[in-house]
Amino acid sequence: MGRKKVLITYPLGQEGFEELKAGFDVTMMERSGGRFKPELLKAVKGCHGMIAAGINVDEEIMDAAPELKIISVYGAGYDNVDTKAATARGIVVTNIPDVVTDSTAEITLGLMLSVMRRISELDRRLRQDRGFRWSMMTYMGRDLFGKELGIIGMGRIGKAVAKRAAAFGMRISYYTRKRLDPVIEMELEASYKRMDELLQTADVISIHTPLTEETRHLIGYRELSMMKPGAYLINTSRGPVVDEKALVKCLSEGRIAGAGLDVFENEPKISPELLKMDNVVLTPHIGTDTVETRINMNREAARNIIDFFSGRQPFHVVNPEVLDK
């Protein structure tokens, strides 16, 4: 019996895949399978495993690979996979939430600092003007110290953000569907609030929820209008969690002070209005874009494949009911 075939749907480099290549017949696409679907449909034929990066795995792709047994999602969020269709076909779906925590938390704080201290805006202004005239009052921003950070979604990343923000002297409050254990609240020095209360009291709202049918447009015009006029919105989770049109409207009306966004509702497209706003900092979905994190992501995504075909249960299975069949 030949070696199992595994497809990696994006050119992710070689480091971290050594063990996978030693035991499997691995094909890595030379360009994004998400942008070149005909090539993806051809490449996936005969594959037993897939590391899904930069693509939406729909029924058409699954039907093109009847021997597919496992989809290892390259990231924490797995909304890019039709998990119902995978479950119906007996395909295990896994993700890798642990290794993306620190880098995503870091970009969250980076966006917070950049928009509140106007770093990106003033960098652009300096380059355009080729210098500056010193002024005590022109370049005023806002301190993080002493501000209330309201975290929506207190999972791994939310907790990592809370710890980092506390080091800046921020006060931490949060909302999540299931309240944390009191011991963990004490460790994080975080106070639980209902979401409406959180929106009304926080100086910064940072979103860290997965994208589901329940969380799509979780933050709309109503929620944004409840925020303090001087408050900021940070989103490093999933774009559709925020109604982007509503955000543009609230920013245009001055209902909130600014936003830092690493994700967008209709990626890779961005609302033209956001591109024109000085009080909005935008980054191109780079939450996990560090050398260290990507190597670890390669290794962990591969580990899920290796464990599955070695008869071990992968660490993070998002449809465990398949394993019971």
C-alpha atoms as a PDB file:
ATOM      1  CA  MET A   1       0.000   0.000   0.000  1.00  0.00           C
ATOM      2  CA  GLY A   2       1.420   3.393  -1.048  1.00  0.00           C
ATOM      3  CA  ARG A   3       1.939   6.417   1.144  1.00  0.00           C
ATOM      4  CA  LYS A   4      -1.006   8.673   1.931  1.00  0.00           C
ATOM      5  CA  LYS A   5      -1.260  11.774  -0.223  1.00  0.00           C
ATOM      6  CA  VAL A   6      -1.510  15.199   1.401  1.00  0.00           C
ATOM      7  CA  LEU A   7      -2.205  18.497  -0.354  1.00  0.00           C
ATOM      8  CA  ILE A   8      -1.090  21.858   1.059  1.00  0.00           C
ATOM      9  CA  THR A   9      -3.238  24.467  -0.663  1.00  0.00           C
ATOM     10  CA  TYR A  10      -0.891  27.456  -0.358  1.00  0.00           C
ATOM     11  CA  PRO A  11       2.878  27.970  -0.768  1.00  0.00           C
ATOM     12  CA  LEU A  12       3.750  28.038   2.940  1.00  0.00           C
ATOM     13  CA  GLY A  13       7.477  27.367   2.775  1.00  0.00           C
ATOM     14  CA  GLN A  14       9.270  24.220   3.825  1.00  0.00           C
ATOM     15  CA  GLU A  15      10.209  24.699   7.474  1.00  0.00           C
ATOM     16  CA  GLY A  16       7.909  22.826   9.840  1.00  0.00           C
ATOM     17  CA  PHE A  17       6.789  20.228   7.299  1.00  0.00           C
ATOM     18  CA  GLU A  18       9.827  17.935   7.574  1.00  0.00           C
ATOM     19  CA  GLU A  19       8.096  15.172   9.543  1.00  0.00           C
ATOM     20  CA  LEU A  20       5.034  15.267   7.295  1.00  0.00           C
ATOM     21  CA  LYS A  21       7.171  14.892   4.177  1.00  0.00           C
ATOM     22  CA  ALA A  22       9.074  12.006   5.711  1.00  0.00           C
ATOM     23  CA  GLY A  23       5.933   9.903   6.034  1.00  0.00           C
ATOM     24  CA  PHE A  24       3.563  11.158   3.339  1.00  0.00           C
ATOM     25  CA  ASP A  25       3.431  12.011  -0.343  1.00  0.00           C
ATOM     26  CA  VAL A  26       3.102  15.796   0.014  1.00  0.00           C
ATOM     27  CA  THR A  27       2.147  18.253  -2.716  1.00  0.00           C
ATOM     28  CA  MET A  28       2.311  21.987  -2.030  1.00  0.00           C
ATOM     29  CA  MET A  29       0.531  24.262  -4.476  1.00  0.00           C
ATOM     30  CA  GLU A  30       2.801  26.849  -6.067  1.00  0.00           C
ATOM     31  CA  ARG A  31       0.127  29.538  -5.851  1.00  0.00           C
ATOM     32  CA  SER A  32      -3.026  30.079  -3.816  1.00  0.00           C
ATOM     33  CA  GLY A  33      -5.662  27.413  -4.368  1.00  0.00           C
ATOM     34  CA  GLY A  34      -8.243  29.959  -3.288  1.00  0.00           C
ATOM     35  CA  ARG A  35      -7.485  32.167  -6.277  1.00  0.00           C
ATOM     36  CA  PHE A  36      -7.056  29.366  -8.794  1.00  0.00           C
ATOM     37  CA  LYS A  37      -9.837  26.903  -8.036  1.00  0.00           C
ATOM     38  CA  PRO A  38      -9.543  24.821 -11.248  1.00  0.00           C
ATOM     39  CA  GLU A  39      -5.951  24.037 -10.275  1.00  0.00           C
ATOM     40  CA  LEU A  40      -7.090  23.205  -6.747  1.00  0.00           C
ATOM     41  CA  LEU A  41      -9.792  20.823  -7.961  1.00  0.00           C
ATOM     42  CA  LYS A  42      -7.219  19.030 -10.069  1.00  0.00           C
ATOM     43  CA  ALA A  43      -4.605  18.904  -7.306  1.00  0.00           C
ATOM     44  CA  VAL A  44      -6.962  17.548  -4.638  1.00  0.00           C
ATOM     45  CA  LYS A  45      -7.900  14.423  -6.599  1.00  0.00           C
ATOM     46  CA  GLY A  46      -6.649  11.301  -4.886  1.00  0.00           C
ATOM     47  CA  CYS A  47      -5.654  13.114  -1.696  1.00  0.00           C
ATOM     48  CA  HIS A  48      -6.254  11.577   1.715  1.00  0.00           C
ATOM     49  CA  GLY A  49      -5.414  14.677   3.731  1.00  0.00           C
ATOM     50  CA  MET A  50      -5.430  18.433   3.165  1.00  0.00           C
ATOM     51  CA  ILE A  51      -3.882  21.404   4.919  1.00  0.00           C
ATOM     52  CA  ALA A  52      -6.422  24.084   4.040  1.00  0.00           C
ATOM     53  CA  ALA A  53      -4.790  27.508   3.817  1.00  0.00           C
ATOM     54  CA  GLY A  54      -6.156  30.480   1.900  1.00  0.00           C
ATOM     55  CA  ILE A  55      -9.192  28.611   0.541  1.00  0.00           C
ATOM     56  CA  ASN A  56     -12.848  27.956   1.232  1.00  0.00           C
ATOM     57  CA  VAL A  57     -13.426  24.207   1.374  1.00  0.00           C
ATOM     58  CA  ASP A  58     -16.873  23.622  -0.081  1.00  0.00           C
ATOM     59  CA  GLU A  59     -18.767  20.559  -1.269  1.00  0.00           C
ATOM     60  CA  GLU A  60     -17.314  20.826  -4.769  1.00  0.00           C
ATOM     61  CA  ILE A  61     -13.807  20.440  -3.404  1.00  0.00           C
ATOM     62  CA  MET A  62     -14.797  17.545  -1.143  1.00  0.00           C
ATOM     63  CA  ASP A  63     -16.576  15.782  -3.990  1.00  0.00           C
ATOM     64  CA  ALA A  64     -13.433  16.111  -6.099  1.00  0.00           C
ATOM     65  CA  ALA A  65     -11.552  14.161  -3.422  1.00  0.00           C
ATOM     66  CA  PRO A  66     -13.641  11.107  -2.450  1.00  0.00           C
ATOM     67  CA  GLU A  67     -10.683   9.624  -0.551  1.00  0.00           C
ATOM     68  CA  LEU A  68     -10.261  12.717   1.634  1.00  0.00           C
ATOM     69  CA  LYS A  69     -10.313  11.802   5.335  1.00  0.00           C
ATOM     70  CA  ILE A  70      -9.022  14.898   7.141  1.00  0.00           C
ATOM     71  CA  ILE A  71      -8.951  18.654   6.569  1.00  0.00           C
ATOM     72  CA  SER A  72      -6.364  20.366   8.753  1.00  0.00           C
ATOM     73  CA  VAL A  73      -7.373  24.029   8.848  1.00  0.00           C
ATOM     74  CA  TYR A  74      -4.409  26.384   8.811  1.00  0.00           C
ATOM     75  CA  GLY A  75      -5.496  28.680  11.632  1.00  0.00           C
ATOM     76  CA  ALA A  76      -7.808  29.009  14.605  1.00  0.00           C
ATOM     77  CA  GLY A  77     -10.945  30.008  12.705  1.00  0.00           C
ATOM     78  CA  TYR A  78     -12.572  27.294  10.614  1.00  0.00           C
ATOM     79  CA  ASP A  79     -15.422  29.242   9.031  1.00  0.00           C
ATOM     80  CA  ASN A  80     -13.695  28.657   5.686  1.00  0.00           C
ATOM     81  CA  VAL A  81     -14.733  24.979   5.800  1.00  0.00           C
ATOM     82  CA  ASP A  82     -18.243  23.645   5.290  1.00  0.00           C
ATOM     83  CA  THR A  83     -18.099  21.528   8.427  1.00  0.00           C
ATOM     84  CA  LYS A  84     -21.616  20.149   7.935  1.00  0.00           C
ATOM     85  CA  ALA A  85     -20.677  18.844   4.502  1.00  0.00           C
ATOM     86  CA  ALA A  86     -17.428  17.430   5.870  1.00  0.00           C
ATOM     87  CA  THR A  87     -19.207  15.695   8.734  1.00  0.00           C
ATOM     88  CA  ALA A  88     -21.779  14.196   6.366  1.00  0.00           C
ATOM     89  CA  ARG A  89     -18.906  12.727   4.336  1.00  0.00           C
ATOM     90  CA  GLY A  90     -17.066  11.407   7.383  1.00  0.00           C
ATOM     91  CA  ILE A  91     -14.207  13.903   6.987  1.00  0.00           C
ATOM     92  CA  VAL A  92     -12.480  15.033  10.177  1.00  0.00           C
ATOM     93  CA  VAL A  93     -11.866  18.793  10.438  1.00  0.00           C
ATOM     94  CA  THR A  94      -9.146  20.120  12.749  1.00  0.00           C
ATOM     95  CA  ASN A  95      -7.738  23.547  13.550  1.00  0.00           C
ATOM     96  CA  ILE A  96      -4.679  24.982  15.314  1.00  0.00           C
ATOM     97  CA  PRO A  97      -5.839  27.584  17.862  1.00  0.00           C
ATOM     98  CA  ASP A  98      -2.930  27.453  20.301  1.00  0.00           C
ATOM     99  CA  VAL A  99      -0.067  28.600  18.081  1.00  0.00           C
ATOM    100  CA  VAL A 100      -1.785  31.747  16.769  1.00  0.00           C
ATOM    101  CA  THR A 101      -2.558  33.232  20.186  1.00  0.00           C
ATOM    102  CA  ASP A 102       0.508  35.351  20.904  1.00  0.00           C
ATOM    103  CA  SER A 103       0.990  36.894  17.477  1.00  0.00           C
ATOM    104  CA  THR A 104      -2.699  37.797  17.205  1.00  0.00           C
ATOM    105  CA  ALA A 105      -2.651  39.353  20.668  1.00  0.00           C
ATOM    106  CA  GLU A 106       0.418  41.364  19.702  1.00  0.00           C
ATOM    107  CA  ILE A 107      -1.147  42.796  16.535  1.00  0.00           C
ATOM    108  CA  THR A 108      -4.194  43.715  18.615  1.00  0.00           C
ATOM    109  CA  LEU A 109      -2.073  45.832  20.944  1.00  0.00           C
ATOM    110  CA  GLY A 110      -0.199  47.218  17.949  1.00  0.00           C
ATOM    111  CA  LEU A 111      -3.417  48.426  16.339  1.00  0.00           C
ATOM    112  CA  MET A 112      -4.565  49.857  19.646  1.00  0.00           C
ATOM    113  CA  LEU A 113      -1.372  51.853  20.084  1.00  0.00           C
ATOM    114  CA  SER A 114      -1.293  52.941  16.465  1.00  0.00           C
ATOM    115  CA  VAL A 115      -4.811  54.337  16.328  1.00  0.00           C
ATOM    116  CA  MET A 116      -4.863  55.867  19.812  1.00  0.00           C
ATOM    117  CA  ARG A 117      -1.435  57.512  19.507  1.00  0.00           C
ATOM    118  CA  ARG A 118      -2.044  58.295  15.802  1.00  0.00           C
ATOM    119  CA  ILE A 119       1.208  56.572  14.820  1.00  0.00           C
ATOM    120  CA  SER A 120       0.191  55.525  11.293  1.00  0.00           C
ATOM    121  CA  GLU A 121      -1.542  58.827  10.560  1.00  0.00           C
ATOM    122  CA  LEU A 122       1.419  60.925  11.664  1.00  0.00           C
ATOM    123  CA  ASP A 123       3.907  58.679   9.865  1.00  0.00           C
ATOM    124  CA  ARG A 124       2.004  59.334   6.617  1.00  0.00           C
ATOM    125  CA  ARG A 125       1.894  63.055   7.323  1.00  0.00           C
ATOM    126  CA  LEU A 126       5.634  63.250   7.943  1.00  0.00           C
ATOM    127  CA  ARG A 127       6.406  61.449   4.702  1.00  0.00           C
ATOM    128  CA  GLN A 128       4.032  63.623   2.698  1.00  0.00           C
ATOM    129  CA  ASP A 129       5.337  66.878   4.185  1.00  0.00           C
ATOM    130  CA  ARG A 130       8.983  65.695   4.257  1.00  0.00           C
ATOM    131  CA  GLY A 131       9.367  67.004   7.767  1.00  0.00           C
ATOM    132  CA  PHE A 132       7.279  68.736  10.403  1.00  0.00           C
ATOM    133  CA  ARG A 133       6.881  71.925  12.334  1.00  0.00           C
ATOM    134  CA  TRP A 134       6.980  71.160  16.039  1.00  0.00           C
ATOM    135  CA  SER A 135       3.785  71.926  17.903  1.00  0.00           C
ATOM    136  CA  MET A 136       2.693  71.107  21.425  1.00  0.00           C
ATOM    137  CA  MET A 137      -0.981  70.642  20.514  1.00  0.00           C
ATOM    138  CA  THR A 138      -1.178  69.379  16.920  1.00  0.00           C
ATOM    139  CA  TYR A 139      -0.272  65.711  17.369  1.00  0.00           C
ATOM    140  CA  MET A 140      -2.322  64.829  20.439  1.00  0.00           C
ATOM    141  CA  GLY A 141      -3.369  61.203  20.955  1.00  0.00           C
ATOM    142  CA  ARG A 142      -4.793  59.216  23.860  1.00  0.00           C
ATOM    143  CA  ASP A 143      -3.095  57.162  26.589  1.00  0.00           C
ATOM    144  CA  LEU A 144      -3.775  53.468  27.016  1.00  0.00           C
ATOM    145  CA  PHE A 145      -2.908  53.789  30.701  1.00  0.00           C
ATOM    146  CA  GLY A 146      -5.993  53.992  32.886  1.00  0.00           C
ATOM    147  CA  LYS A 147      -8.436  53.245  30.067  1.00  0.00           C
ATOM    148  CA  GLU A 148     -11.043  50.496  30.229  1.00  0.00           C
ATOM    149  CA  LEU A 149     -10.516  47.755  27.664  1.00  0.00           C
ATOM    150  CA  GLY A 150     -13.697  45.848  26.875  1.00  0.00           C
ATOM    151  CA  ILE A 151     -12.970  42.428  25.390  1.00  0.00           C
ATOM    152  CA  ILE A 152     -15.734  40.634  23.513  1.00  0.00           C
ATOM    153  CA  GLY A 153     -14.837  36.944  23.460  1.00  0.00           C
ATOM    154  CA  MET A 154     -12.548  35.761  26.264  1.00  0.00           C
ATOM    155  CA  GLY A 155     -10.962  32.686  24.734  1.00  0.00           C
ATOM    156  CA  ARG A 156      -7.243  32.086  24.268  1.00  0.00           C
ATOM    157  CA  ILE A 157      -6.601  35.279  22.326  1.00  0.00           C
ATOM    158  CA  GLY A 158      -8.889  37.428  24.453  1.00  0.00           C
ATOM    159  CA  LYS A 159      -7.049  36.324  27.589  1.00  0.00           C
ATOM    160  CA  ALA A 160      -3.661  36.963  25.968  1.00  0.00           C
ATOM    161  CA  VAL A 161      -4.797  40.472  25.018  1.00  0.00           C
ATOM    162  CA  ALA A 162      -6.027  41.067  28.570  1.00  0.00           C
ATOM    163  CA  LYS A 163      -2.631  40.153  30.039  1.00  0.00           C
ATOM    164  CA  ARG A 164      -0.771  42.433  27.649  1.00  0.00           C
ATOM    165  CA  ALA A 165      -3.191  45.320  28.089  1.00  0.00           C
ATOM    166  CA  ALA A 166      -2.916  45.044  31.871  1.00  0.00           C
ATOM    167  CA  ALA A 167       0.831  45.608  31.507  1.00  0.00           C
ATOM    168  CA  PHE A 168      -0.037  48.978  29.919  1.00  0.00           C
ATOM    169  CA  GLY A 169      -2.126  49.843  32.961  1.00  0.00           C
ATOM    170  CA  MET A 170      -5.502  49.290  31.315  1.00  0.00           C
ATOM    171  CA  ARG A 171      -8.532  48.157  33.303  1.00  0.00           C
ATOM    172  CA  ILE A 172      -9.984  44.925  31.878  1.00  0.00           C
ATOM    173  CA  SER A 173     -13.655  44.093  31.466  1.00  0.00           C
ATOM    174  CA  TYR A 174     -15.135  41.456  29.214  1.00  0.00           C
ATOM    175  CA  TYR A 175     -18.200  39.793  27.779  1.00  0.00           C
ATOM    176  CA  THR A 176     -18.380  36.185  26.666  1.00  0.00           C
ATOM    177  CA  ARG A 177     -21.238  33.711  26.337  1.00  0.00           C
ATOM    178  CA  LYS A 178     -20.049  31.696  29.317  1.00  0.00           C
ATOM    179  CA  ARG A 179     -18.602  33.675  32.185  1.00  0.00           C
ATOM    180  CA  LEU A 180     -15.088  32.735  33.254  1.00  0.00           C
ATOM    181  CA  ASP A 181     -14.338  30.923  36.473  1.00  0.00           C
ATOM    182  CA  PRO A 182     -13.877  33.447  39.324  1.00  0.00           C
ATOM    183  CA  VAL A 183     -10.304  32.231  39.824  1.00  0.00           C
ATOM    184  CA  ILE A 184      -9.436  33.082  36.213  1.00  0.00           C
ATOM    185  CA  GLU A 185     -11.158  36.457  36.552  1.00  0.00           C
ATOM    186  CA  MET A 186      -8.956  37.182  39.556  1.00  0.00           C
ATOM    187  CA  GLU A 187      -5.813  36.095  37.699  1.00  0.00           C
ATOM    188  CA  LEU A 188      -6.659  38.394  34.780  1.00  0.00           C
ATOM    189  CA  GLU A 189      -8.033  41.137  37.050  1.00  0.00           C
ATOM    190  CA  ALA A 190     -10.996  41.187  34.676  1.00  0.00           C
ATOM    191  CA  SER A 191     -14.598  42.058  35.468  1.00  0.00           C
ATOM    192  CA  TYR A 192     -17.555  40.513  33.652  1.00  0.00           C
ATOM    193  CA  LYS A 193     -20.214  42.775  32.127  1.00  0.00           C
ATOM    194  CA  ARG A 194     -23.263  42.294  29.954  1.00  0.00           C
ATOM    195  CA  MET A 195     -22.446  43.283  26.389  1.00  0.00           C
ATOM    196  CA  ASP A 196     -24.604  46.412  26.362  1.00  0.00           C
ATOM    197  CA  GLU A 197     -22.968  47.607  29.566  1.00  0.00           C
ATOM    198  CA  LEU A 198     -19.522  46.811  28.195  1.00  0.00           C
ATOM    199  CA  LEU A 199     -20.176  48.850  25.061  1.00  0.00           C
ATOM    200  CA  GLN A 200     -21.337  51.811  27.124  1.00  0.00           C
ATOM    201  CA  THR A 201     -18.425  51.919  29.572  1.00  0.00           C
ATOM    202  CA  ALA A 202     -15.309  50.765  27.676  1.00  0.00           C
ATOM    203  CA  ASP A 203     -12.816  53.195  26.157  1.00  0.00           C
ATOM    204  CA  VAL A 204     -11.630  50.490  23.759  1.00  0.00           C
ATOM    205  CA  ILE A 205     -13.622  47.516  22.460  1.00  0.00           C
ATOM    206  CA  SER A 206     -11.555  44.594  21.172  1.00  0.00           C
ATOM    207  CA  ILE A 207     -13.299  41.720  19.376  1.00  0.00           C
ATOM    208  CA  HIS A 208     -12.088  38.126  19.729  1.00  0.00           C
ATOM    209  CA  THR A 209     -15.026  35.909  18.782  1.00  0.00           C
ATOM    210  CA  PRO A 210     -15.168  33.216  16.092  1.00  0.00           C
ATOM    211  CA  LEU A 211     -17.397  33.815  13.081  1.00  0.00           C
ATOM    212  CA  THR A 212     -20.653  31.873  13.332  1.00  0.00           C
ATOM    213  CA  GLU A 213     -24.212  32.535  12.250  1.00  0.00           C
ATOM    214  CA  GLU A 214     -24.795  33.963  15.732  1.00  0.00           C
ATOM    215  CA  THR A 215     -21.807  36.323  15.645  1.00  0.00           C
ATOM    216  CA  ARG A 216     -22.209  37.632  12.087  1.00  0.00           C
ATOM    217  CA  HIS A 217     -22.849  41.383  12.450  1.00  0.00           C
ATOM    218  CA  LEU A 218     -22.653  41.007  16.212  1.00  0.00           C
ATOM    219  CA  ILE A 219     -21.449  44.606  16.162  1.00  0.00           C
ATOM    220  CA  GLY A 220     -23.826  46.718  14.094  1.00  0.00           C
ATOM    221  CA  TYR A 221     -25.069  50.295  14.103  1.00  0.00           C
ATOM    222  CA  ARG A 222     -26.988  49.808  17.353  1.00  0.00           C
ATOM    223  CA  GLU A 223     -23.960  48.454  19.189  1.00  0.00           C
ATOM    224  CA  LEU A 224     -21.563  51.035  17.751  1.00  0.00           C
ATOM    225  CA  SER A 225     -23.954  53.837  18.688  1.00  0.00           C
ATOM    226  CA  MET A 226     -23.885  52.636  22.287  1.00  0.00           C
ATOM    227  CA  MET A 227     -20.120  53.161  22.518  1.00  0.00           C
ATOM    228  CA  LYS A 228     -18.659  56.275  24.111  1.00  0.00           C
ATOM    229  CA  PRO A 229     -17.956  59.101  21.603  1.00  0.00           C
ATOM    230  CA  GLY A 230     -14.252  58.894  22.404  1.00  0.00           C
ATOM    231  CA  ALA A 231     -14.039  55.102  22.224  1.00  0.00           C
ATOM    232  CA  TYR A 232     -12.102  52.954  19.759  1.00  0.00           C
ATOM    233  CA  LEU A 233     -12.973  49.647  18.069  1.00  0.00           C
ATOM    234  CA  ILE A 234     -10.330  46.981  17.404  1.00  0.00           C
ATOM    235  CA  ASN A 235     -11.086  43.864  15.348  1.00  0.00           C
ATOM    236  CA  THR A 236      -8.563  41.081  14.781  1.00  0.00           C
ATOM    237  CA  SER A 237     -11.069  38.202  14.758  1.00  0.00           C
ATOM    238  CA  ARG A 238     -13.205  37.939  11.618  1.00  0.00           C
ATOM    239  CA  GLY A 239     -14.405  40.796   9.429  1.00  0.00           C
ATOM    240  CA  PRO A 240     -18.105  39.872   9.200  1.00  0.00           C
ATOM    241  CA  VAL A 241     -18.453  40.033  12.991  1.00  0.00           C
ATOM    242  CA  VAL A 242     -18.663  43.804  12.397  1.00  0.00           C
ATOM    243  CA  ASP A 243     -21.177  45.373  10.021  1.00  0.00           C
ATOM    244  CA  GLU A 244     -18.675  47.367   7.974  1.00  0.00           C
ATOM    245  CA  LYS A 245     -21.266  49.747   6.514  1.00  0.00           C
ATOM    246  CA  ALA A 246     -22.476  50.546  10.014  1.00  0.00           C
ATOM    247  CA  LEU A 247     -18.896  51.116  11.140  1.00  0.00           C
ATOM    248  CA  VAL A 248     -18.269  53.540   8.280  1.00  0.00           C
ATOM    249  CA  LYS A 249     -21.456  55.404   9.157  1.00  0.00           C
ATOM    250  CA  CYS A 250     -20.581  55.696  12.848  1.00  0.00           C
ATOM    251  CA  LEU A 251     -17.039  56.831  12.091  1.00  0.00           C
ATOM    252  CA  SER A 252     -18.328  59.398   9.591  1.00  0.00           C
ATOM    253  CA  GLU A 253     -20.800  60.706  12.152  1.00  0.00           C
ATOM    254  CA  GLY A 254     -18.112  60.922  14.837  1.00  0.00           C
ATOM    255  CA  ARG A 255     -19.937  58.481  17.094  1.00  0.00           C
ATOM    256  CA  ILE A 256     -16.647  56.737  17.903  1.00  0.00           C
ATOM    257  CA  ALA A 257     -13.095  58.090  17.867  1.00  0.00           C
ATOM    258  CA  GLY A 258     -11.446  55.540  15.600  1.00  0.00           C
ATOM    259  CA  ALA A 259     -10.830  51.918  14.670  1.00  0.00           C
ATOM    260  CA  GLY A 260      -8.002  49.458  14.162  1.00  0.00           C
ATOM    261  CA  LEU A 261      -8.859  46.655  11.742  1.00  0.00           C
ATOM    262  CA  ASP A 262      -6.885  43.603  10.661  1.00  0.00           C
ATOM    263  CA  VAL A 263      -9.931  41.895   9.135  1.00  0.00           C
ATOM    264  CA  PHE A 264     -12.706  43.045   6.821  1.00  0.00           C
ATOM    265  CA  GLU A 265     -16.223  41.997   5.959  1.00  0.00           C
ATOM    266  CA  ASN A 266     -15.574  41.316   2.267  1.00  0.00           C
ATOM    267  CA  GLU A 267     -11.886  40.426   2.177  1.00  0.00           C
ATOM    268  CA  PRO A 268      -9.781  41.194   0.277  1.00  0.00           C
ATOM    269  CA  LYS A 269     -11.994  44.179  -0.576  1.00  0.00           C
ATOM    270  CA  ILE A 270     -12.107  47.083   1.864  1.00  0.00           C
ATOM    271  CA  SER A 271     -14.727  49.807   2.041  1.00  0.00           C
ATOM    272  CA  PRO A 272     -13.312  52.804   0.104  1.00  0.00           C
ATOM    273  CA  GLU A 273     -14.482  55.108   2.884  1.00  0.00           C
ATOM    274  CA  LEU A 274     -12.262  53.351   5.429  1.00  0.00           C
ATOM    275  CA  LEU A 275      -9.224  53.876   3.214  1.00  0.00           C
ATOM    276  CA  LYS A 276      -9.744  57.640   3.368  1.00  0.00           C
ATOM    277  CA  MET A 277     -10.111  57.951   7.150  1.00  0.00           C
ATOM    278  CA  ASP A 278      -7.105  59.148   9.153  1.00  0.00           C
ATOM    279  CA  ASN A 279      -8.576  57.784  12.384  1.00  0.00           C
ATOM    280  CA  VAL A 280      -8.648  54.216  11.064  1.00  0.00           C
ATOM    281  CA  VAL A 281      -5.596  51.936  11.021  1.00  0.00           C
ATOM    282  CA  LEU A 282      -5.779  49.064   8.537  1.00  0.00           C
ATOM    283  CA  THR A 283      -3.602  45.969   8.202  1.00  0.00           C
ATOM    284  CA  PRO A 284      -4.074  43.149   5.649  1.00  0.00           C
ATOM    285  CA  HIS A 285      -5.103  40.246   7.935  1.00  0.00           C
ATOM    286  CA  ILE A 286      -1.604  39.800   9.364  1.00  0.00           C
ATOM    287  CA  GLY A 287      -2.523  38.517  12.820  1.00  0.00           C
ATOM    288  CA  THR A 288      -0.367  35.406  12.401  1.00  0.00           C
ATOM    289  CA  ASP A 289       2.183  36.853   9.993  1.00  0.00           C
ATOM    290  CA  THR A 290       5.393  36.374  11.935  1.00  0.00           C
ATOM    291  CA  VAL A 291       8.232  34.037  11.037  1.00  0.00           C
ATOM    292  CA  GLU A 292       8.005  32.201  14.348  1.00  0.00           C
ATOM    293  CA  THR A 293       4.241  31.737  14.293  1.00  0.00           C
ATOM    294  CA  ARG A 294       4.133  30.526  10.702  1.00  0.00           C
ATOM    295  CA  ILE A 295       6.750  27.852  11.341  1.00  0.00           C
ATOM    296  CA  ASN A 296       4.769  26.679  14.362  1.00  0.00           C
ATOM    297  CA  MET A 297       1.552  26.738  12.319  1.00  0.00           C
ATOM    298  CA  ASN A 298       3.187  24.573   9.658  1.00  0.00           C
ATOM    299  CA  ARG A 299       4.313  22.119  12.305  1.00  0.00           C
ATOM    300  CA  GLU A 300       0.945  21.950  14.113  1.00  0.00           C
ATOM    301  CA  ALA A 301      -1.165  21.690  10.958  1.00  0.00           C
ATOM    302  CA  ALA A 302       1.077  18.837   9.855  1.00  0.00           C
ATOM    303  CA  ARG A 303       0.859  17.243  13.307  1.00  0.00           C
ATOM    304  CA  ASN A 304      -2.929  16.929  12.997  1.00  0.00           C
ATOM    305  CA  ILE A 305      -2.495  14.961   9.762  1.00  0.00           C
ATOM    306  CA  ILE A 306       0.261  12.776  11.202  1.00  0.00           C
ATOM    307  CA  ASP A 307      -1.665  11.981  14.381  1.00  0.00           C
ATOM    308  CA  PHE A 308      -4.848  11.122  12.508  1.00  0.00           C
ATOM    309  CA  PHE A 309      -3.228   8.632  10.158  1.00  0.00           C
ATOM    310  CA  SER A 310      -1.160   7.198  13.025  1.00  0.00           C
ATOM    311  CA  GLY A 311      -4.331   6.251  14.874  1.00  0.00           C
ATOM    312  CA  ARG A 312      -4.075   9.051  17.430  1.00  0.00           C
ATOM    313  CA  GLN A 313      -6.778  11.666  17.912  1.00  0.00           C
ATOM    314  CA  PRO A 314      -5.605  15.117  16.817  1.00  0.00           C
ATOM    315  CA  PHE A 315      -5.580  17.723  19.579  1.00  0.00           C
ATOM    316  CA  HIS A 316      -8.219  20.033  18.114  1.00  0.00           C
ATOM    317  CA  VAL A 317     -11.061  18.317  16.245  1.00  0.00           C
ATOM    318  CA  VAL A 318     -13.953  20.677  15.462  1.00  0.00           C
ATOM    319  CA  ASN A 319     -16.401  17.915  14.457  1.00  0.00           C
ATOM    320  CA  PRO A 320     -15.619  15.125  16.961  1.00  0.00           C
ATOM    321  CA  GLU A 321     -18.847  13.320  16.107  1.00  0.00           C
ATOM    322  CA  VAL A 322     -17.083  11.980  13.005  1.00  0.00           C
ATOM    323  CA  LEU A 323     -14.635  10.088  15.202  1.00  0.00           C
ATOM    324  CA  ASP A 324     -17.512   8.296  16.922  1.00  0.00           C
ATOM    325  CA  LYS A 325     -18.806   6.788  13.700  1.00  0.00           C
END
